[in-house]
C-alpha atoms as a PDB file:
ATOM      1  CA  UNK A   1     249.751-112.418  82.421  1.00  0.00           C
ATOM      2  CA  UNK A   2     247.321-114.981  83.733  1.00  0.00           C
ATOM      3  CA  UNK A   3     247.679-117.371  86.645  1.00  0.00           C
ATOM      4  CA  UNK A   4     245.559-119.020  89.337  1.00  0.00           C
ATOM      5  CA  UNK A   5     244.069-117.161  92.285  1.00  0.00           C
ATOM      6  CA  UNK A   6     243.773-118.684  95.741  1.00  0.00           C
ATOM      7  CA  UNK A   7     240.264-119.848  94.846  1.00  0.00           C
ATOM      8  CA  UNK A   8     241.661-121.850  91.931  1.00  0.00           C
ATOM      9  CA  UNK A   9     240.079-119.580  89.318  1.00  0.00           C
ATOM     10  CA  UNK A  10     242.250-117.853  86.744  1.00  0.00           C
ATOM     11  CA  UNK A  11     243.068-114.157  87.076  1.00  0.00           C
ATOM     12  CA  UNK A  12     244.674-111.361  85.095  1.00  0.00           C
ATOM     13  CA  UNK A  13     247.338-108.975  86.389  1.00  0.00           C
ATOM     14  CA  UNK A  14     248.312-105.418  85.356  1.00  0.00           C
ATOM     15  CA  UNK A  15     251.828-104.888  86.697  1.00  0.00           C
ATOM     16  CA  UNK A  16     253.238-101.662  88.138  1.00  0.00           C
ATOM     17  CA  UNK A  17     254.538 -99.418  85.345  1.00  0.00           C
ATOM     18  CA  UNK A  18     252.099-100.852  82.799  1.00  0.00           C
ATOM     19  CA  UNK A  19     249.526 -98.559  81.148  1.00  0.00           C
ATOM     20  CA  UNK A  20     246.573-100.102  79.327  1.00  0.00           C
ATOM     21  CA  UNK A  21     244.168 -97.981  77.284  1.00  0.00           C
ATOM     22  CA  UNK A  22     240.870 -99.421  76.040  1.00  0.00           C
ATOM     23  CA  UNK A  23     238.321-101.956  77.203  1.00  0.00           C
ATOM     24  CA  UNK A  24     239.278-104.907  79.420  1.00  0.00           C
ATOM     25  CA  UNK A  25     236.973-107.945  79.429  1.00  0.00           C
ATOM     26  CA  UNK A  26     238.147-110.394  82.078  1.00  0.00           C
ATOM     27  CA  UNK A  27     236.810-113.838  82.946  1.00  0.00           C
ATOM     28  CA  UNK A  28     237.329-114.212  86.716  1.00  0.00           C
ATOM     29  CA  UNK A  29     239.568-111.875  88.789  1.00  0.00           C
ATOM     30  CA  UNK A  30     241.714-108.862  87.846  1.00  0.00           C
ATOM     31  CA  UNK A  31     244.538-107.377  89.941  1.00  0.00           C
ATOM     32  CA  UNK A  32     245.802-103.882  89.044  1.00  0.00           C
ATOM     33  CA  UNK A  33     249.078-102.328  90.216  1.00  0.00           C
ATOM     34  CA  UNK A  34     249.567-100.248  87.060  1.00  0.00           C
ATOM     35  CA  UNK A  35     247.230 -97.887  85.192  1.00  0.00           C
ATOM     36  CA  UNK A  36     244.090 -98.680  83.207  1.00  0.00           C
ATOM     37  CA  UNK A  37     242.423 -95.966  81.117  1.00  0.00           C
ATOM     38  CA  UNK A  38     239.096 -97.308  79.898  1.00  0.00           C
ATOM     39  CA  UNK A  39     236.269 -99.655  80.811  1.00  0.00           C
ATOM     40  CA  UNK A  40     236.812-102.775  82.920  1.00  0.00           C
ATOM     41  CA  UNK A  41     234.289-105.635  82.934  1.00  0.00           C
ATOM     42  CA  UNK A  42     235.098-108.713  85.006  1.00  0.00           C
ATOM     43  CA  UNK A  43     233.131-111.714  86.238  1.00  0.00           C
ATOM     44  CA  UNK A  44     235.153-111.938  89.474  1.00  0.00           C
ATOM     45  CA  UNK A  45     236.834-109.441  91.789  1.00  0.00           C
ATOM     46  CA  UNK A  46     238.680-106.361  90.511  1.00  0.00           C
ATOM     47  CA  UNK A  47     241.427-105.355  92.975  1.00  0.00           C
ATOM     48  CA  UNK A  48     243.132-101.974  92.557  1.00  0.00           C
ATOM     49  CA  UNK A  49     246.246-101.933  94.734  1.00  0.00           C
ATOM     50  CA  UNK A  50     247.663 -98.832  96.474  1.00  0.00           C
ATOM     51  CA  UNK A  51     249.795 -97.830  93.456  1.00  0.00           C
ATOM     52  CA  UNK A  52     247.040 -98.767  90.968  1.00  0.00           C
ATOM     53  CA  UNK A  53     245.077 -96.177  88.984  1.00  0.00           C
ATOM     54  CA  UNK A  54     241.883 -96.649  86.991  1.00  0.00           C
ATOM     55  CA  UNK A  55     240.419 -93.881  84.834  1.00  0.00           C
ATOM     56  CA  UNK A  56     237.128 -95.297  83.601  1.00  0.00           C
ATOM     57  CA  UNK A  57     234.111 -97.390  84.464  1.00  0.00           C
ATOM     58  CA  UNK A  58     234.341-100.666  86.408  1.00  0.00           C
ATOM     59  CA  UNK A  59     231.666-103.402  86.266  1.00  0.00           C
ATOM     60  CA  UNK A  60     232.363-106.523  88.283  1.00  0.00           C
ATOM     61  CA  UNK A  61     231.070-108.994  90.853  1.00  0.00           C
ATOM     62  CA  UNK A  62     233.187-107.303  93.558  1.00  0.00           C
ATOM     63  CA  UNK A  63     235.631-104.405  93.655  1.00  0.00           C
ATOM     64  CA  UNK A  64     238.404-103.769  96.176  1.00  0.00           C
ATOM     65  CA  UNK A  65     240.024-100.336  95.895  1.00  0.00           C
ATOM     66  CA  UNK A  66     243.319 -99.491  97.570  1.00  0.00           C
ATOM     67  CA  UNK A  67     244.515 -96.988  94.944  1.00  0.00           C
ATOM     68  CA  UNK A  68     242.754 -94.321  92.860  1.00  0.00           C
ATOM     69  CA  UNK A  69     239.662 -94.741  90.691  1.00  0.00           C
ATOM     70  CA  UNK A  70     238.126 -91.927  88.650  1.00  0.00           C
ATOM     71  CA  UNK A  71     234.899 -93.248  87.153  1.00  0.00           C
ATOM     72  CA  UNK A  72     231.704 -95.054  88.056  1.00  0.00           C
ATOM     73  CA  UNK A  73     231.810 -98.430  89.817  1.00  0.00           C
ATOM     74  CA  UNK A  74     229.108-101.117  89.647  1.00  0.00           C
ATOM     75  CA  UNK A  75     229.568-104.297  91.679  1.00  0.00           C
ATOM     76  CA  UNK A  76     226.922-107.002  91.962  1.00  0.00           C
ATOM     77  CA  UNK A  77     228.170-108.098  95.387  1.00  0.00           C
ATOM     78  CA  UNK A  78     230.376-105.641  97.302  1.00  0.00           C
ATOM     79  CA  UNK A  79     232.794-102.741  97.138  1.00  0.00           C
ATOM     80  CA  UNK A  80     235.602-102.273  99.644  1.00  0.00           C
ATOM     81  CA  UNK A  81     237.369 -98.909  99.921  1.00  0.00           C
ATOM     82  CA  UNK A  82     240.631 -99.501 101.783  1.00  0.00           C
ATOM     83  CA  UNK A  83     242.317 -96.860 103.970  1.00  0.00           C
ATOM     84  CA  UNK A  84     244.331 -95.229 101.131  1.00  0.00           C
ATOM     85  CA  UNK A  85     241.601 -95.521  98.487  1.00  0.00           C
ATOM     86  CA  UNK A  86     240.340 -92.557  96.469  1.00  0.00           C
ATOM     87  CA  UNK A  87     237.122 -93.000  94.479  1.00  0.00           C
ATOM     88  CA  UNK A  88     235.808 -90.092  92.421  1.00  0.00           C
ATOM     89  CA  UNK A  89     232.627 -91.307  90.778  1.00  0.00           C
ATOM     90  CA  UNK A  90     229.285 -92.892  91.473  1.00  0.00           C
ATOM     91  CA  UNK A  91     228.930 -96.279  93.088  1.00  0.00           C
ATOM     92  CA  UNK A  92     226.300 -99.026  92.815  1.00  0.00           C
ATOM     93  CA  UNK A  93     226.522-102.196  94.902  1.00  0.00           C
ATOM     94  CA  UNK A  94     224.742-104.479  97.390  1.00  0.00           C
ATOM     95  CA  UNK A  95     227.324-104.089 100.174  1.00  0.00           C
ATOM     96  CA  UNK A  96     229.759-101.220 100.855  1.00  0.00           C
ATOM     97  CA  UNK A  97     232.719-101.221 103.251  1.00  0.00           C
ATOM     98  CA  UNK A  98     234.643 -97.962 103.724  1.00  0.00           C
ATOM     99  CA  UNK A  99     237.752 -98.102 105.884  1.00  0.00           C
ATOM    100  CA  UNK A 100     238.900 -95.096 107.885  1.00  0.00           C
ATOM    101  CA  UNK A 101     241.025 -92.801 105.710  1.00  0.00           C
ATOM    102  CA  UNK A 102     239.364 -93.668 102.403  1.00  0.00           C
ATOM    103  CA  UNK A 103     238.080 -90.816 100.217  1.00  0.00           C
ATOM    104  CA  UNK A 104     234.801 -91.105  98.278  1.00  0.00           C
ATOM    105  CA  UNK A 105     233.415 -88.271  96.131  1.00  0.00           C
ATOM    106  CA  UNK A 106     230.196 -89.267  94.401  1.00  0.00           C
ATOM    107  CA  UNK A 107     226.826 -90.785  95.073  1.00  0.00           C
ATOM    108  CA  UNK A 108     226.040 -94.308  96.179  1.00  0.00           C
ATOM    109  CA  UNK A 109     223.081 -96.492  95.230  1.00  0.00           C
ATOM    110  CA  UNK A 110     222.614 -99.616  97.328  1.00  0.00           C
ATOM    111  CA  UNK A 111     221.022-102.554  95.505  1.00  0.00           C
ATOM    112  CA  UNK A 112     218.704-104.995  97.185  1.00  0.00           C
ATOM    113  CA  UNK A 113     217.536-108.482  96.250  1.00  0.00           C
ATOM    114  CA  UNK A 114     219.346-111.361  94.630  1.00  0.00           C
ATOM    115  CA  UNK A 115     222.673-111.142  92.850  1.00  0.00           C
ATOM    116  CA  UNK A 116     222.925-111.272  89.103  1.00  0.00           C
ATOM    117  CA  UNK A 117     225.859-112.721  87.212  1.00  0.00           C
ATOM    118  CA  UNK A 118     227.853-110.344  85.053  1.00  0.00           C
ATOM    119  CA  UNK A 119     228.557-111.588  81.551  1.00  0.00           C
ATOM    120  CA  UNK A 120     231.630-110.234  79.734  1.00  0.00           C
END
């Protein structure tokens, strides 16, 4: 399902109870309340909600994790780990925000310099 985000850009949505296996290539934003098993590449923000689960690699401009991610995360701009987030995997980003209560098992590499645009 695709709609418009608050910024006016289109976005994709994985609803609760939905399981997707494979590679997701998304122009703009992606919101996940269900389960994704595979690689995610998005040009916008990938948001994993509290009930959302991702088992695989994420490459995006920004990533906001409220649920569980098992796999490596690369974000050109920033990663936010919300209070109930669980991230098991390595992380690469320019800016990292970890809220109290979040769990992170892995290593983190902080990028410096200018941003690069991700092409899907």
